[in-house]
Amino acid sequence: MTSPVRAAGWGTAADGSVVTWTISQGRRGRRWREVVAHGNAVVHALLLETGSDGRFSHMELARADGLWTFHPEGDGTLHGNRVDRSEAGVRHVEGWSFGPDDVLVLEGSPVGVAAAVHRWRDALAVGASVGVGGVAIGRDGALRREDSIVVERLDVRRWRIGDGQPFEVDEDGAPILVDGQRRPLEVS
């Protein structure tokens, strides 16, 4: 068995945003964290958890236009909410179809896409793809249910989700960023 991943890093994403991230792996799975910024402005802060099987289990997202919280239930549905300053104020998501292999995709999130493909790391050969359902949160904050999102392994490190740009992850599943740095999260 390999050692649990406990790492931190930072670098520049393909869109020019600066990304700071951590991955903490324990007996129940992984906790993925990220802050994405443009200049001095924070675009979003993310906490995403995956189980020991790599499947999505919990997400908390903070952006200037609102807060999101989501988690799947054992009955195959997604639950959570979006809180914002609109007239409605709170939009509840209850009972959206969300199977065990479905993914949650946050556009503009290198850590979010790395966490989404980590589930398929040992299951997809290079050149293979799988279609899964899921929920996408757009860069504009739009929330949408997707019946089929293609997760494609382009080579050992390169992946693509849906119509997105290809991206790379390292041997531990962490995002590879331009001028990226990686450090141990804990001192030995």
Foldseek 3Di string as FASTA:
>chain_A
DDDWAWKWKWAAAPVGWIKTWTWGADQFFIWIWIWTGDVPHTAKTKTWTAGPLLFTAWIWMDGPFWIWIWGDDPVQAIWIWTAGDDPVRIDIGPGHGHHRLAAEEEPPDLRRVLSNCVSCLVPDAAFDKDWQWYWYQYSVRDIDTGHTWIWHHNHNFWIDIRPDDIFGADPNSHGDHHVMDMDGNDDD
